[in-house]
Amino acid sequence: MPRSLLLVSVLVLTLSTSACAQNAQNDHLINQAVSAAPDTLKAGAKVLSYKDDGTFQTVREGSNGLVCTADDPNREGFEAACFHREMEAYVARGRELRADGMTGRETVAKRGEEIEAGTLSYTDGPAMQYIRFGDEAVYDEATGEVLNSRLRFVIYTPYSTPETTGISPAPLGPGAPWIMDSGTWHAHIMVTPPGQ
């Protein structure tokens, strides 16, 4: 075989192997991210994942208004989240502020100031968020499933109160819905099903 043909063959094989490895990695990231989503919305969800520098990249474009994020490999435990696209700017801003050293509650306060000032877009509600999480949860590459995990549901309903919704300001028992931050821009209904 002529040397030039051999070099071309090696290059094609190398590129093909690299593309297959990248596709497999993307499949794993997609499986992680959509593990939080309802089955009926998984196929059309936009998928984001962390890059090595901690910023986000789009792994797959979406078609149904749901945005899902894969687990952060640099944090302990497992957490994948899916949320309505109206929440994407809010969630992205939270990542930026955490990267600058703010705590979770500090980022909420700062984003609230920006929402009130009209510089950060936010939902008028309701807007859904699904979170698959667990300190002991792990992603199984062989099955494409997240093991030892739980789901939590958050419905963003700005300025809602127990009076406007009939929903308790505190959980009545395991898995019962309740309103957190009632009456504020950050009001949201929490539902954490008991030990799944």
N, C-alpha and C. Protein backbone atom coordinates (compact mmCIF):
# COMPACT_ATOMS: atom_id res chain seq x y z
N MET A 1 0.86 -1.18 0.00
CA MET A 1 0.00 0.00 0.00
C MET A 1 0.90 1.24 0.00
N PRO A 2 0.63 2.17 -0.91
CA PRO A 2 1.43 3.40 -0.94
C PRO A 2 1.34 4.13 0.39
N ARG A 3 2.45 4.79 0.75
CA ARG A 3 2.52 5.46 2.04
C ARG A 3 1.43 6.51 2.20
N SER A 4 1.14 7.29 1.15
CA SER A 4 0.13 8.34 1.24
C SER A 4 -1.25 7.75 1.51
N LEU A 5 -1.55 6.61 0.90
CA LEU A 5 -2.84 5.96 1.14
C LEU A 5 -2.91 5.43 2.56
N LEU A 6 -1.81 4.91 3.06
CA LEU A 6 -1.76 4.42 4.44
C LEU A 6 -2.01 5.56 5.42
N LEU A 7 -1.38 6.73 5.19
CA LEU A 7 -1.57 7.88 6.07
C LEU A 7 -3.02 8.35 6.06
N VAL A 8 -3.63 8.37 4.89
CA VAL A 8 -5.04 8.78 4.78
C VAL A 8 -5.92 7.80 5.54
N SER A 9 -5.65 6.51 5.40
CA SER A 9 -6.44 5.48 6.09
C SER A 9 -6.34 5.63 7.61
N VAL A 10 -5.13 5.88 8.10
CA VAL A 10 -4.93 6.06 9.54
C VAL A 10 -5.67 7.31 10.01
N LEU A 11 -5.60 8.39 9.25
CA LEU A 11 -6.29 9.63 9.62
C LEU A 11 -7.80 9.42 9.67
N VAL A 12 -8.35 8.75 8.67
CA VAL A 12 -9.80 8.49 8.63
C VAL A 12 -10.21 7.64 9.82
N LEU A 13 -9.43 6.61 10.13
CA LEU A 13 -9.74 5.73 11.26
C LEU A 13 -9.66 6.50 12.57
N THR A 14 -8.67 7.35 12.72
CA THR A 14 -8.52 8.15 13.94
C THR A 14 -9.70 9.10 14.12
N LEU A 15 -10.08 9.79 13.06
CA LEU A 15 -11.21 10.72 13.13
C LEU A 15 -12.51 9.98 13.41
N SER A 16 -12.68 8.82 12.80
CA SER A 16 -13.89 8.03 13.01
C SER A 16 -13.98 7.55 14.45
N THR A 17 -12.87 7.08 15.00
CA THR A 17 -12.84 6.62 16.39
C THR A 17 -13.12 7.76 17.35
N SER A 18 -12.54 8.94 17.06
CA SER A 18 -12.77 10.11 17.90
C SER A 18 -14.23 10.53 17.87
N ALA A 19 -14.84 10.51 16.68
CA ALA A 19 -16.25 10.89 16.54
C ALA A 19 -17.15 9.92 17.30
N CYS A 20 -16.84 8.63 17.23
CA CYS A 20 -17.63 7.62 17.95
C CYS A 20 -17.53 7.84 19.46
N ALA A 21 -16.32 8.14 19.95
CA ALA A 21 -16.13 8.38 21.38
C ALA A 21 -16.90 9.63 21.81
N GLN A 22 -16.88 10.68 20.97
CA GLN A 22 -17.60 11.91 21.29
C GLN A 22 -19.11 11.65 21.32
N ASN A 23 -19.61 10.88 20.35
CA ASN A 23 -21.04 10.55 20.31
C ASN A 23 -21.46 9.77 21.54
N ALA A 24 -20.62 8.82 21.96
CA ALA A 24 -20.93 8.03 23.16
C ALA A 24 -20.95 8.94 24.40
N GLN A 25 -19.99 9.86 24.49
CA GLN A 25 -19.95 10.79 25.62
C GLN A 25 -21.19 11.68 25.62
N ASN A 26 -21.59 12.17 24.46
CA ASN A 26 -22.79 12.99 24.37
C ASN A 26 -24.03 12.21 24.77
N ASP A 27 -24.10 10.94 24.37
CA ASP A 27 -25.24 10.10 24.76
C ASP A 27 -25.33 9.99 26.27
N HIS A 28 -24.19 9.83 26.93
CA HIS A 28 -24.17 9.73 28.39
C HIS A 28 -24.62 11.05 29.03
N LEU A 29 -24.15 12.16 28.50
CA LEU A 29 -24.55 13.46 29.03
C LEU A 29 -26.05 13.70 28.84
N ILE A 30 -26.56 13.31 27.68
CA ILE A 30 -27.99 13.45 27.42
C ILE A 30 -28.80 12.58 28.38
N ASN A 31 -28.38 11.33 28.57
CA ASN A 31 -29.08 10.44 29.50
C ASN A 31 -29.10 10.99 30.91
N GLN A 32 -27.95 11.52 31.36
CA GLN A 32 -27.88 12.12 32.70
C GLN A 32 -28.87 13.27 32.81
N ALA A 33 -28.81 14.18 31.83
CA ALA A 33 -29.61 15.39 31.90
C ALA A 33 -31.10 15.10 31.88
N VAL A 34 -31.54 14.27 30.94
CA VAL A 34 -32.99 14.03 30.80
C VAL A 34 -33.51 13.03 31.82
N SER A 35 -32.63 12.49 32.67
CA SER A 35 -33.11 11.57 33.72
C SER A 35 -34.08 12.28 34.66
N ALA A 36 -34.02 13.61 34.69
CA ALA A 36 -34.92 14.38 35.55
C ALA A 36 -36.25 14.68 34.87
N ALA A 37 -36.33 14.50 33.56
CA ALA A 37 -37.50 14.92 32.80
C ALA A 37 -38.58 13.83 32.73
N PRO A 38 -39.83 14.24 32.55
CA PRO A 38 -40.89 13.26 32.28
C PRO A 38 -40.58 12.53 30.97
N ASP A 39 -40.94 11.27 30.86
CA ASP A 39 -40.66 10.49 29.66
C ASP A 39 -41.18 11.16 28.40
N THR A 40 -42.35 11.80 28.48
CA THR A 40 -42.97 12.41 27.31
C THR A 40 -42.22 13.64 26.81
N LEU A 41 -41.30 14.19 27.61
CA LEU A 41 -40.58 15.41 27.22
C LEU A 41 -39.09 15.18 26.97
N LYS A 42 -38.59 13.97 27.24
CA LYS A 42 -37.15 13.71 27.13
C LYS A 42 -36.59 13.93 25.73
N ALA A 43 -37.27 13.40 24.72
CA ALA A 43 -36.72 13.42 23.36
C ALA A 43 -36.58 14.83 22.81
N GLY A 44 -37.43 15.76 23.22
CA GLY A 44 -37.38 17.11 22.67
C GLY A 44 -36.69 18.13 23.53
N ALA A 45 -36.11 17.70 24.66
CA ALA A 45 -35.48 18.65 25.59
C ALA A 45 -34.12 19.12 25.08
N LYS A 46 -33.84 20.39 25.25
CA LYS A 46 -32.50 20.92 25.02
C LYS A 46 -31.60 20.42 26.13
N VAL A 47 -30.35 20.06 25.80
CA VAL A 47 -29.44 19.50 26.80
C VAL A 47 -28.16 20.33 26.87
N LEU A 48 -27.81 20.71 28.11
CA LEU A 48 -26.58 21.45 28.39
C LEU A 48 -25.68 20.58 29.27
N SER A 49 -24.37 20.77 29.15
CA SER A 49 -23.44 20.07 30.03
C SER A 49 -22.28 20.98 30.40
N TYR A 50 -21.59 20.60 31.46
CA TYR A 50 -20.43 21.37 31.91
C TYR A 50 -19.21 21.07 31.05
N LYS A 51 -18.45 22.12 30.73
CA LYS A 51 -17.14 21.94 30.11
C LYS A 51 -16.10 21.87 31.21
N ASP A 52 -14.87 21.54 30.85
CA ASP A 52 -13.80 21.40 31.84
C ASP A 52 -13.56 22.67 32.64
N ASP A 53 -13.83 23.83 32.03
CA ASP A 53 -13.58 25.10 32.73
C ASP A 53 -14.77 25.54 33.58
N GLY A 54 -15.82 24.69 33.66
CA GLY A 54 -16.97 25.00 34.50
C GLY A 54 -18.07 25.76 33.80
N THR A 55 -17.82 26.19 32.54
CA THR A 55 -18.88 26.84 31.78
C THR A 55 -19.75 25.78 31.11
N PHE A 56 -20.86 26.22 30.51
CA PHE A 56 -21.80 25.29 29.91
C PHE A 56 -21.68 25.27 28.39
N GLN A 57 -22.04 24.13 27.82
CA GLN A 57 -22.11 23.98 26.37
C GLN A 57 -23.42 23.29 26.02
N THR A 58 -23.91 23.55 24.82
CA THR A 58 -25.11 22.88 24.35
C THR A 58 -24.72 21.57 23.71
N VAL A 59 -25.27 20.47 24.22
CA VAL A 59 -25.01 19.14 23.68
C VAL A 59 -26.04 18.80 22.62
N ARG A 60 -27.28 19.25 22.85
CA ARG A 60 -28.36 18.99 21.90
C ARG A 60 -29.36 20.13 21.93
N GLU A 61 -29.77 20.59 20.79
CA GLU A 61 -30.82 21.61 20.72
C GLU A 61 -32.16 20.96 21.03
N GLY A 62 -33.10 21.76 21.52
CA GLY A 62 -34.39 21.21 21.90
C GLY A 62 -35.52 21.70 21.02
N SER A 63 -36.72 21.10 21.23
CA SER A 63 -37.88 21.46 20.42
C SER A 63 -39.16 21.61 21.23
N ASN A 64 -39.09 21.42 22.55
CA ASN A 64 -40.34 21.43 23.32
C ASN A 64 -40.38 22.42 24.50
N GLY A 65 -39.38 23.28 24.62
CA GLY A 65 -39.40 24.27 25.68
C GLY A 65 -38.77 23.83 26.98
N LEU A 66 -38.33 22.57 27.07
CA LEU A 66 -37.68 22.09 28.29
C LEU A 66 -36.17 22.13 28.09
N VAL A 67 -35.44 22.60 29.11
CA VAL A 67 -33.98 22.65 29.08
C VAL A 67 -33.47 21.78 30.22
N CYS A 68 -32.55 20.87 29.92
CA CYS A 68 -32.02 19.95 30.93
C CYS A 68 -30.51 20.09 31.04
N THR A 69 -30.00 20.02 32.26
CA THR A 69 -28.56 20.13 32.50
C THR A 69 -28.03 18.82 33.08
N ALA A 70 -26.90 18.37 32.56
CA ALA A 70 -26.24 17.18 33.08
C ALA A 70 -25.58 17.47 34.42
N ASP A 71 -25.19 16.44 35.11
CA ASP A 71 -24.54 16.56 36.41
C ASP A 71 -23.21 17.29 36.29
N ASP A 72 -22.88 18.06 37.33
CA ASP A 72 -21.58 18.74 37.40
C ASP A 72 -20.56 17.73 37.95
N PRO A 73 -19.60 17.29 37.15
CA PRO A 73 -18.64 16.28 37.62
C PRO A 73 -17.70 16.78 38.71
N ASN A 74 -17.67 18.10 38.94
CA ASN A 74 -16.78 18.65 39.96
C ASN A 74 -17.46 18.86 41.31
N ARG A 75 -18.72 18.43 41.44
CA ARG A 75 -19.43 18.55 42.71
C ARG A 75 -19.77 17.16 43.24
N GLU A 76 -19.79 17.01 44.55
CA GLU A 76 -20.12 15.73 45.14
C GLU A 76 -21.59 15.42 44.93
N GLY A 77 -21.91 14.11 44.91
CA GLY A 77 -23.28 13.69 44.71
C GLY A 77 -23.66 13.84 43.24
N PHE A 78 -24.95 13.77 42.98
CA PHE A 78 -25.46 13.86 41.61
C PHE A 78 -26.64 14.82 41.60
N GLU A 79 -26.69 15.66 40.57
CA GLU A 79 -27.87 16.50 40.37
C GLU A 79 -28.00 16.84 38.89
N ALA A 80 -29.13 16.46 38.32
CA ALA A 80 -29.50 16.86 36.97
C ALA A 80 -30.82 17.60 37.09
N ALA A 81 -30.99 18.66 36.33
CA ALA A 81 -32.20 19.46 36.44
C ALA A 81 -32.77 19.78 35.07
N CYS A 82 -34.10 19.83 34.99
CA CYS A 82 -34.79 20.26 33.78
C CYS A 82 -35.74 21.38 34.16
N PHE A 83 -35.82 22.40 33.34
CA PHE A 83 -36.66 23.55 33.66
C PHE A 83 -37.21 24.14 32.37
N HIS A 84 -38.29 24.91 32.50
CA HIS A 84 -38.88 25.56 31.34
C HIS A 84 -37.93 26.62 30.80
N ARG A 85 -37.94 26.79 29.49
CA ARG A 85 -36.98 27.71 28.84
C ARG A 85 -37.07 29.14 29.36
N GLU A 86 -38.23 29.55 29.90
CA GLU A 86 -38.35 30.89 30.46
C GLU A 86 -37.42 31.08 31.66
N MET A 87 -36.96 29.97 32.25
CA MET A 87 -36.08 30.04 33.42
C MET A 87 -34.59 29.98 33.05
N GLU A 88 -34.29 29.82 31.75
CA GLU A 88 -32.89 29.58 31.35
C GLU A 88 -31.97 30.74 31.71
N ALA A 89 -32.39 31.97 31.46
CA ALA A 89 -31.54 33.13 31.78
C ALA A 89 -31.31 33.22 33.29
N TYR A 90 -32.35 32.95 34.06
CA TYR A 90 -32.26 32.99 35.52
C TYR A 90 -31.28 31.93 36.04
N VAL A 91 -31.39 30.72 35.51
CA VAL A 91 -30.51 29.64 35.94
C VAL A 91 -29.06 29.92 35.52
N ALA A 92 -28.88 30.40 34.30
CA ALA A 92 -27.53 30.71 33.81
C ALA A 92 -26.89 31.80 34.65
N ARG A 93 -27.67 32.80 35.03
CA ARG A 93 -27.13 33.89 35.86
C ARG A 93 -26.70 33.36 37.23
N GLY A 94 -27.46 32.40 37.75
CA GLY A 94 -27.08 31.79 39.03
C GLY A 94 -25.74 31.10 38.94
N ARG A 95 -25.48 30.41 37.83
CA ARG A 95 -24.18 29.75 37.64
C ARG A 95 -23.06 30.78 37.62
N GLU A 96 -23.29 31.89 36.91
CA GLU A 96 -22.27 32.95 36.84
C GLU A 96 -21.94 33.49 38.22
N LEU A 97 -22.97 33.76 39.00
CA LEU A 97 -22.76 34.34 40.33
C LEU A 97 -22.08 33.36 41.28
N ARG A 98 -22.43 32.07 41.17
CA ARG A 98 -21.74 31.06 42.00
C ARG A 98 -20.28 30.95 41.62
N ALA A 99 -19.99 31.08 40.31
CA ALA A 99 -18.61 31.03 39.85
C ALA A 99 -17.82 32.21 40.40
N ASP A 100 -18.51 33.30 40.71
CA ASP A 100 -17.87 34.48 41.29
C ASP A 100 -17.74 34.37 42.81
N GLY A 101 -18.20 33.25 43.38
CA GLY A 101 -18.03 33.03 44.81
C GLY A 101 -19.25 33.24 45.68
N MET A 102 -20.39 33.54 45.11
CA MET A 102 -21.60 33.75 45.92
C MET A 102 -22.20 32.41 46.35
N THR A 103 -22.87 32.43 47.49
CA THR A 103 -23.61 31.26 47.96
C THR A 103 -24.95 31.20 47.22
N GLY A 104 -25.64 30.08 47.36
CA GLY A 104 -26.94 29.92 46.71
C GLY A 104 -27.93 31.01 47.07
N ARG A 105 -28.09 31.29 48.38
CA ARG A 105 -29.04 32.32 48.81
C ARG A 105 -28.61 33.72 48.34
N GLU A 106 -27.29 33.96 48.32
CA GLU A 106 -26.80 35.25 47.82
C GLU A 106 -27.12 35.43 46.34
N THR A 107 -27.03 34.34 45.57
CA THR A 107 -27.35 34.45 44.14
C THR A 107 -28.84 34.72 43.95
N VAL A 108 -29.69 34.15 44.79
CA VAL A 108 -31.12 34.40 44.68
C VAL A 108 -31.41 35.87 44.95
N ALA A 109 -30.80 36.42 46.00
CA ALA A 109 -31.01 37.83 46.33
C ALA A 109 -30.53 38.74 45.21
N LYS A 110 -29.36 38.46 44.67
CA LYS A 110 -28.80 39.28 43.60
C LYS A 110 -29.66 39.21 42.35
N ARG A 111 -30.11 38.00 42.00
CA ARG A 111 -30.95 37.84 40.82
C ARG A 111 -32.30 38.54 41.03
N GLY A 112 -32.79 38.51 42.26
CA GLY A 112 -34.03 39.22 42.55
C GLY A 112 -33.90 40.70 42.29
N GLU A 113 -32.77 41.27 42.68
CA GLU A 113 -32.52 42.70 42.43
C GLU A 113 -32.51 42.97 40.92
N GLU A 114 -31.89 42.07 40.17
CA GLU A 114 -31.78 42.26 38.72
C GLU A 114 -33.14 42.08 38.04
N ILE A 115 -33.95 41.16 38.54
CA ILE A 115 -35.29 40.97 37.99
C ILE A 115 -36.13 42.22 38.24
N GLU A 116 -36.08 42.71 39.48
CA GLU A 116 -36.85 43.92 39.83
C GLU A 116 -36.39 45.13 39.02
N ALA A 117 -35.10 45.16 38.68
CA ALA A 117 -34.56 46.28 37.88
C ALA A 117 -34.83 46.12 36.39
N GLY A 118 -35.34 44.95 36.01
CA GLY A 118 -35.64 44.70 34.61
C GLY A 118 -34.45 44.31 33.76
N THR A 119 -33.33 43.92 34.42
CA THR A 119 -32.13 43.55 33.66
C THR A 119 -31.96 42.04 33.52
N LEU A 120 -32.82 41.26 34.17
CA LEU A 120 -32.76 39.81 34.07
C LEU A 120 -34.17 39.28 33.82
N SER A 121 -34.32 38.49 32.76
CA SER A 121 -35.65 37.96 32.45
C SER A 121 -36.00 36.82 33.40
N TYR A 122 -37.30 36.69 33.65
CA TYR A 122 -37.79 35.68 34.59
C TYR A 122 -39.21 35.32 34.19
N THR A 123 -39.66 34.18 34.62
CA THR A 123 -40.99 33.73 34.25
C THR A 123 -42.10 34.51 34.95
N ASP A 124 -43.22 34.62 34.26
CA ASP A 124 -44.43 35.13 34.90
C ASP A 124 -45.15 33.98 35.62
N GLY A 125 -44.72 32.75 35.31
CA GLY A 125 -45.24 31.54 35.93
C GLY A 125 -46.59 31.15 35.39
N PRO A 126 -47.00 29.93 35.66
CA PRO A 126 -46.19 28.92 36.32
C PRO A 126 -45.11 28.36 35.39
N ALA A 127 -44.00 27.93 35.97
CA ALA A 127 -42.91 27.31 35.22
C ALA A 127 -42.35 26.17 36.05
N MET A 128 -42.16 25.04 35.42
CA MET A 128 -41.80 23.80 36.11
C MET A 128 -40.30 23.57 36.12
N GLN A 129 -39.83 22.97 37.22
CA GLN A 129 -38.45 22.48 37.30
C GLN A 129 -38.49 21.08 37.89
N TYR A 130 -37.75 20.15 37.27
CA TYR A 130 -37.61 18.78 37.75
C TYR A 130 -36.15 18.59 38.14
N ILE A 131 -35.91 18.00 39.30
CA ILE A 131 -34.53 17.82 39.77
C ILE A 131 -34.33 16.37 40.20
N ARG A 132 -33.38 15.69 39.55
CA ARG A 132 -32.99 14.33 39.99
C ARG A 132 -31.70 14.50 40.77
N PHE A 133 -31.66 13.95 41.99
CA PHE A 133 -30.53 14.22 42.87
C PHE A 133 -30.27 13.05 43.81
N GLY A 134 -29.13 13.13 44.49
CA GLY A 134 -28.80 12.16 45.53
C GLY A 134 -27.34 12.18 45.88
N ASP A 135 -27.05 12.17 47.17
CA ASP A 135 -25.65 12.15 47.61
C ASP A 135 -24.96 10.85 47.19
N GLU A 136 -25.73 9.77 47.13
CA GLU A 136 -25.17 8.47 46.76
C GLU A 136 -25.53 8.08 45.33
N ALA A 137 -26.18 8.98 44.59
CA ALA A 137 -26.61 8.67 43.23
C ALA A 137 -25.40 8.58 42.29
N VAL A 138 -25.49 7.66 41.34
CA VAL A 138 -24.43 7.48 40.34
C VAL A 138 -25.05 7.20 38.98
N TYR A 139 -24.38 7.64 37.95
CA TYR A 139 -24.82 7.36 36.59
C TYR A 139 -24.16 6.08 36.12
N ASP A 140 -24.96 5.13 35.66
CA ASP A 140 -24.48 3.83 35.19
C ASP A 140 -24.38 3.88 33.66
N GLU A 141 -23.15 3.92 33.14
CA GLU A 141 -22.96 4.01 31.69
C GLU A 141 -23.49 2.79 30.96
N ALA A 142 -23.47 1.62 31.60
CA ALA A 142 -23.93 0.39 30.94
C ALA A 142 -25.43 0.43 30.67
N THR A 143 -26.20 0.98 31.60
CA THR A 143 -27.66 1.01 31.43
C THR A 143 -28.18 2.37 31.01
N GLY A 144 -27.36 3.42 31.18
CA GLY A 144 -27.82 4.76 30.86
C GLY A 144 -28.79 5.31 31.89
N GLU A 145 -28.76 4.76 33.11
CA GLU A 145 -29.69 5.19 34.16
C GLU A 145 -28.93 5.78 35.34
N VAL A 146 -29.65 6.61 36.10
CA VAL A 146 -29.09 7.15 37.33
C VAL A 146 -29.63 6.31 38.48
N LEU A 147 -28.71 5.72 39.24
CA LEU A 147 -29.09 4.82 40.32
C LEU A 147 -29.07 5.54 41.67
N ASN A 148 -29.87 5.06 42.60
CA ASN A 148 -29.91 5.60 43.98
C ASN A 148 -30.24 7.09 44.02
N SER A 149 -31.17 7.51 43.18
CA SER A 149 -31.52 8.93 43.11
C SER A 149 -32.99 9.15 43.46
N ARG A 150 -33.33 10.41 43.65
CA ARG A 150 -34.70 10.82 43.94
C ARG A 150 -35.07 11.99 43.03
N LEU A 151 -36.37 12.30 42.99
CA LEU A 151 -36.85 13.44 42.22
C LEU A 151 -37.47 14.47 43.15
N ARG A 152 -37.26 15.74 42.80
CA ARG A 152 -37.91 16.85 43.49
C ARG A 152 -38.54 17.72 42.42
N PHE A 153 -39.70 18.28 42.73
CA PHE A 153 -40.42 19.10 41.76
C PHE A 153 -40.60 20.51 42.31
N VAL A 154 -40.39 21.50 41.46
CA VAL A 154 -40.54 22.90 41.84
C VAL A 154 -41.39 23.58 40.77
N ILE A 155 -42.45 24.26 41.21
CA ILE A 155 -43.30 25.00 40.28
C ILE A 155 -43.18 26.48 40.65
N TYR A 156 -42.54 27.26 39.78
CA TYR A 156 -42.36 28.69 40.04
C TYR A 156 -43.67 29.44 39.77
N THR A 157 -44.15 30.13 40.77
CA THR A 157 -45.43 30.86 40.70
C THR A 157 -45.23 32.22 41.36
N PRO A 158 -44.58 33.15 40.68
CA PRO A 158 -44.25 34.44 41.30
C PRO A 158 -45.44 35.10 42.01
N TYR A 159 -45.16 35.56 43.22
CA TYR A 159 -46.09 36.31 44.07
C TYR A 159 -47.29 35.50 44.57
N SER A 160 -47.29 34.20 44.36
CA SER A 160 -48.39 33.39 44.88
C SER A 160 -48.29 33.26 46.40
N THR A 161 -49.44 33.04 47.02
CA THR A 161 -49.53 32.91 48.47
C THR A 161 -50.48 31.77 48.79
N PRO A 162 -50.54 31.37 50.06
CA PRO A 162 -51.55 30.38 50.44
C PRO A 162 -52.96 30.89 50.15
N GLU A 163 -53.16 32.19 50.27
CA GLU A 163 -54.49 32.76 50.02
C GLU A 163 -54.87 32.71 48.55
N THR A 164 -53.90 32.89 47.65
CA THR A 164 -54.21 32.89 46.21
C THR A 164 -54.23 31.49 45.61
N THR A 165 -53.66 30.52 46.32
CA THR A 165 -53.56 29.16 45.76
C THR A 165 -54.24 28.08 46.59
N GLY A 166 -54.41 28.34 47.90
CA GLY A 166 -54.92 27.30 48.78
C GLY A 166 -53.87 26.27 49.17
N ILE A 167 -52.61 26.57 48.87
CA ILE A 167 -51.51 25.65 49.18
C ILE A 167 -50.83 26.09 50.46
N SER A 168 -50.51 25.14 51.31
CA SER A 168 -49.95 25.40 52.63
C SER A 168 -48.58 26.08 52.54
N PRO A 169 -48.25 26.95 53.53
CA PRO A 169 -46.92 27.57 53.57
C PRO A 169 -45.88 26.64 54.19
N ALA A 170 -46.28 25.44 54.59
CA ALA A 170 -45.35 24.45 55.13
C ALA A 170 -45.87 23.06 54.75
N PRO A 171 -44.98 22.10 54.55
CA PRO A 171 -45.44 20.76 54.17
C PRO A 171 -46.29 20.13 55.28
N LEU A 172 -47.43 19.54 54.90
CA LEU A 172 -48.31 18.89 55.86
C LEU A 172 -47.86 17.48 56.19
N GLY A 173 -46.93 16.98 55.41
CA GLY A 173 -46.39 15.64 55.63
C GLY A 173 -45.43 15.30 54.51
N PRO A 174 -44.82 14.11 54.55
CA PRO A 174 -43.86 13.71 53.51
C PRO A 174 -44.48 13.76 52.12
N GLY A 175 -43.84 14.49 51.22
CA GLY A 175 -44.31 14.57 49.85
C GLY A 175 -45.40 15.58 49.59
N ALA A 176 -45.88 16.27 50.62
CA ALA A 176 -46.97 17.23 50.44
C ALA A 176 -46.44 18.53 49.83
N PRO A 177 -47.20 19.14 48.91
CA PRO A 177 -46.77 20.41 48.32
C PRO A 177 -46.89 21.56 49.31
N TRP A 178 -46.00 22.54 49.18
CA TRP A 178 -46.06 23.74 50.01
C TRP A 178 -45.41 24.90 49.27
N ILE A 179 -45.77 26.12 49.64
CA ILE A 179 -45.21 27.30 48.99
C ILE A 179 -44.02 27.82 49.79
N MET A 180 -42.91 28.00 49.09
CA MET A 180 -41.71 28.58 49.67
C MET A 180 -41.58 30.02 49.16
N ASP A 181 -41.11 30.92 49.99
CA ASP A 181 -40.96 32.34 49.65
C ASP A 181 -42.28 32.95 49.20
N SER A 182 -43.33 32.58 49.90
CA SER A 182 -44.68 33.04 49.59
C SER A 182 -44.77 34.56 49.44
N GLY A 183 -45.51 35.00 48.42
CA GLY A 183 -45.77 36.42 48.22
C GLY A 183 -44.65 37.21 47.58
N THR A 184 -43.54 36.56 47.24
CA THR A 184 -42.39 37.25 46.63
C THR A 184 -42.25 36.86 45.17
N TRP A 185 -41.36 37.55 44.48
CA TRP A 185 -41.07 37.18 43.09
C TRP A 185 -40.57 35.75 43.00
N HIS A 186 -39.96 35.24 44.07
CA HIS A 186 -39.36 33.91 44.08
C HIS A 186 -40.30 32.83 44.63
N ALA A 187 -41.56 33.13 44.79
CA ALA A 187 -42.51 32.13 45.30
C ALA A 187 -42.52 30.91 44.39
N HIS A 188 -42.49 29.74 45.04
CA HIS A 188 -42.52 28.50 44.26
C HIS A 188 -43.09 27.37 45.12
N ILE A 189 -43.74 26.46 44.45
CA ILE A 189 -44.35 25.30 45.11
C ILE A 189 -43.33 24.17 45.10
N MET A 190 -43.04 23.64 46.28
CA MET A 190 -42.09 22.55 46.44
C MET A 190 -42.83 21.23 46.63
N VAL A 191 -42.36 20.20 45.94
CA VAL A 191 -42.88 18.84 46.13
C VAL A 191 -41.69 17.89 46.13
N THR A 192 -41.42 17.29 47.27
CA THR A 192 -40.32 16.32 47.38
C THR A 192 -40.92 14.98 47.80
N PRO A 193 -41.18 14.09 46.84
CA PRO A 193 -41.77 12.80 47.20
C PRO A 193 -40.92 12.08 48.25
N PRO A 194 -41.56 11.42 49.20
CA PRO A 194 -40.80 10.70 50.22
C PRO A 194 -40.00 9.56 49.61
N GLY A 195 -38.89 9.20 50.27
CA GLY A 195 -37.93 8.17 49.84
C GLY A 195 -38.36 7.26 48.73
N GLN A 196 -37.95 7.55 47.51
CA GLN A 196 -38.34 6.75 46.35
C GLN A 196 -37.44 5.56 46.22
